[in-house]
């Protein structure tokens, strides 16, 4: 499994463990509120779980843009890629 797959698997596991989302509902296009039944408090808990798991901080303005599970995948991938690029020495 590639890095992207491992990250998405970790996010799915958070959704299952922390929010009791049924695995069959974990589709990229699943809307967090409409399809996965998360409320605003769950949203805060989700951000905390993501930040803890991936050792990053998700800015509030970016959190407000997240609507679907795919948005979460993309945001975490972008943050991890940005962090990896920043860690590489300049040539």
C-alpha atoms as a PDB file:
ATOM      1  CA  UNK A   1       0.000   0.000   0.000  1.00  0.00           C
ATOM      2  CA  UNK A   2       1.327   3.439  -0.896  1.00  0.00           C
ATOM      3  CA  UNK A   3       1.600   6.423   1.439  1.00  0.00           C
ATOM      4  CA  UNK A   4      -1.702   7.905   0.231  1.00  0.00           C
ATOM      5  CA  UNK A   5      -3.478   4.624   0.937  1.00  0.00           C
ATOM      6  CA  UNK A   6      -1.984   4.400   4.426  1.00  0.00           C
ATOM      7  CA  UNK A   7      -3.056   7.957   5.244  1.00  0.00           C
ATOM      8  CA  UNK A   8      -6.600   7.349   4.015  1.00  0.00           C
ATOM      9  CA  UNK A   9      -6.752   4.088   5.954  1.00  0.00           C
ATOM     10  CA  UNK A  10      -5.679   5.949   9.112  1.00  0.00           C
ATOM     11  CA  UNK A  11      -8.356   8.601   8.561  1.00  0.00           C
ATOM     12  CA  UNK A  12     -10.985   5.912   7.977  1.00  0.00           C
ATOM     13  CA  UNK A  13      -9.928   4.211  11.211  1.00  0.00           C
ATOM     14  CA  UNK A  14     -10.383   7.493  13.105  1.00  0.00           C
ATOM     15  CA  UNK A  15     -13.896   7.756  11.671  1.00  0.00           C
ATOM     16  CA  UNK A  16     -14.694   4.196  12.753  1.00  0.00           C
ATOM     17  CA  UNK A  17     -13.088   4.320  16.205  1.00  0.00           C
ATOM     18  CA  UNK A  18     -13.947   7.846  17.296  1.00  0.00           C
ATOM     19  CA  UNK A  19     -17.296   8.427  15.595  1.00  0.00           C
ATOM     20  CA  UNK A  20     -18.646   4.891  15.110  1.00  0.00           C
ATOM     21  CA  UNK A  21     -19.102   5.431  11.375  1.00  0.00           C
ATOM     22  CA  UNK A  22     -19.922   2.225   9.534  1.00  0.00           C
ATOM     23  CA  UNK A  23     -17.036   1.263   7.219  1.00  0.00           C
ATOM     24  CA  UNK A  24     -19.411   0.937   4.243  1.00  0.00           C
ATOM     25  CA  UNK A  25     -20.203   4.662   4.540  1.00  0.00           C
ATOM     26  CA  UNK A  26     -16.561   5.686   4.200  1.00  0.00           C
ATOM     27  CA  UNK A  27     -16.614   6.859   0.607  1.00  0.00           C
ATOM     28  CA  UNK A  28     -14.545   9.745  -0.748  1.00  0.00           C
ATOM     29  CA  UNK A  29     -17.681  11.724  -1.600  1.00  0.00           C
ATOM     30  CA  UNK A  30     -19.400  11.114   1.747  1.00  0.00           C
ATOM     31  CA  UNK A  31     -20.595  14.401   3.252  1.00  0.00           C
ATOM     32  CA  UNK A  32     -19.546  14.652   6.894  1.00  0.00           C
ATOM     33  CA  UNK A  33     -22.903  15.974   8.126  1.00  0.00           C
ATOM     34  CA  UNK A  34     -25.435  14.553   5.672  1.00  0.00           C
ATOM     35  CA  UNK A  35     -23.923  11.111   5.100  1.00  0.00           C
ATOM     36  CA  UNK A  36     -21.770  10.428   8.165  1.00  0.00           C
ATOM     37  CA  UNK A  37     -23.998  12.150  10.742  1.00  0.00           C
ATOM     38  CA  UNK A  38     -21.255  14.280  12.292  1.00  0.00           C
ATOM     39  CA  UNK A  39     -22.271  17.453  14.104  1.00  0.00           C
ATOM     40  CA  UNK A  40     -20.241  20.578  14.897  1.00  0.00           C
ATOM     41  CA  UNK A  41     -18.816  19.125  18.121  1.00  0.00           C
ATOM     42  CA  UNK A  42     -17.785  16.003  16.209  1.00  0.00           C
ATOM     43  CA  UNK A  43     -16.060  18.303  13.725  1.00  0.00           C
ATOM     44  CA  UNK A  44     -13.934  19.795  16.497  1.00  0.00           C
ATOM     45  CA  UNK A  45     -13.119  16.329  17.830  1.00  0.00           C
ATOM     46  CA  UNK A  46     -12.232  15.177  14.318  1.00  0.00           C
ATOM     47  CA  UNK A  47      -9.778  18.027  13.802  1.00  0.00           C
ATOM     48  CA  UNK A  48      -8.135  17.267  17.155  1.00  0.00           C
ATOM     49  CA  UNK A  49      -7.855  13.569  16.259  1.00  0.00           C
ATOM     50  CA  UNK A  50      -6.353  14.389  12.848  1.00  0.00           C
ATOM     51  CA  UNK A  51      -3.859  16.842  14.333  1.00  0.00           C
ATOM     52  CA  UNK A  52      -2.830  14.321  16.979  1.00  0.00           C
ATOM     53  CA  UNK A  53      -2.532  11.417  14.532  1.00  0.00           C
ATOM     54  CA  UNK A  54      -0.621  13.288  11.836  1.00  0.00           C
ATOM     55  CA  UNK A  55       1.320  15.675  14.110  1.00  0.00           C
ATOM     56  CA  UNK A  56       0.144  18.773  12.302  1.00  0.00           C
ATOM     57  CA  UNK A  57      -2.074  21.796  12.800  1.00  0.00           C
ATOM     58  CA  UNK A  58      -5.027  22.470  10.524  1.00  0.00           C
ATOM     59  CA  UNK A  59      -5.761  26.209  10.371  1.00  0.00           C
ATOM     60  CA  UNK A  60      -9.346  27.208  11.202  1.00  0.00           C
ATOM     61  CA  UNK A  61      -9.901  28.778   7.779  1.00  0.00           C
ATOM     62  CA  UNK A  62      -8.947  25.442   6.172  1.00  0.00           C
ATOM     63  CA  UNK A  63     -11.202  23.483   8.531  1.00  0.00           C
ATOM     64  CA  UNK A  64     -14.175  25.569   7.405  1.00  0.00           C
ATOM     65  CA  UNK A  65     -13.645  24.364   3.822  1.00  0.00           C
ATOM     66  CA  UNK A  66     -13.902  20.682   4.712  1.00  0.00           C
ATOM     67  CA  UNK A  67     -17.239  19.153   3.739  1.00  0.00           C
ATOM     68  CA  UNK A  68     -16.529  15.585   2.635  1.00  0.00           C
ATOM     69  CA  UNK A  69     -14.305  12.703   3.575  1.00  0.00           C
ATOM     70  CA  UNK A  70     -12.402  13.365   0.347  1.00  0.00           C
ATOM     71  CA  UNK A  71     -11.744  16.925   1.522  1.00  0.00           C
ATOM     72  CA  UNK A  72     -10.141  15.472   4.651  1.00  0.00           C
ATOM     73  CA  UNK A  73      -7.991  13.067   2.624  1.00  0.00           C
ATOM     74  CA  UNK A  74      -6.842  15.887   0.344  1.00  0.00           C
ATOM     75  CA  UNK A  75      -6.143  18.347   3.181  1.00  0.00           C
ATOM     76  CA  UNK A  76      -4.074  15.844   5.178  1.00  0.00           C
ATOM     77  CA  UNK A  77      -2.147  14.740   2.057  1.00  0.00           C
ATOM     78  CA  UNK A  78      -1.393  18.364   1.166  1.00  0.00           C
ATOM     79  CA  UNK A  79      -0.229  19.152   4.690  1.00  0.00           C
ATOM     80  CA  UNK A  80       2.010  16.085   4.876  1.00  0.00           C
ATOM     81  CA  UNK A  81       3.484  16.803   1.428  1.00  0.00           C
ATOM     82  CA  UNK A  82       4.125  20.412   2.382  1.00  0.00           C
ATOM     83  CA  UNK A  83       5.826  19.330   5.578  1.00  0.00           C
ATOM     84  CA  UNK A  84       7.958  16.775   3.708  1.00  0.00           C
ATOM     85  CA  UNK A  85       8.993  19.385   1.128  1.00  0.00           C
ATOM     86  CA  UNK A  86       9.898  21.878   3.857  1.00  0.00           C
ATOM     87  CA  UNK A  87      12.043  19.258   5.563  1.00  0.00           C
ATOM     88  CA  UNK A  88      14.134  18.579   2.449  1.00  0.00           C
ATOM     89  CA  UNK A  89      17.399  20.496   2.273  1.00  0.00           C
ATOM     90  CA  UNK A  90      17.738  23.103  -0.486  1.00  0.00           C
ATOM     91  CA  UNK A  91      20.009  22.239  -3.384  1.00  0.00           C
END
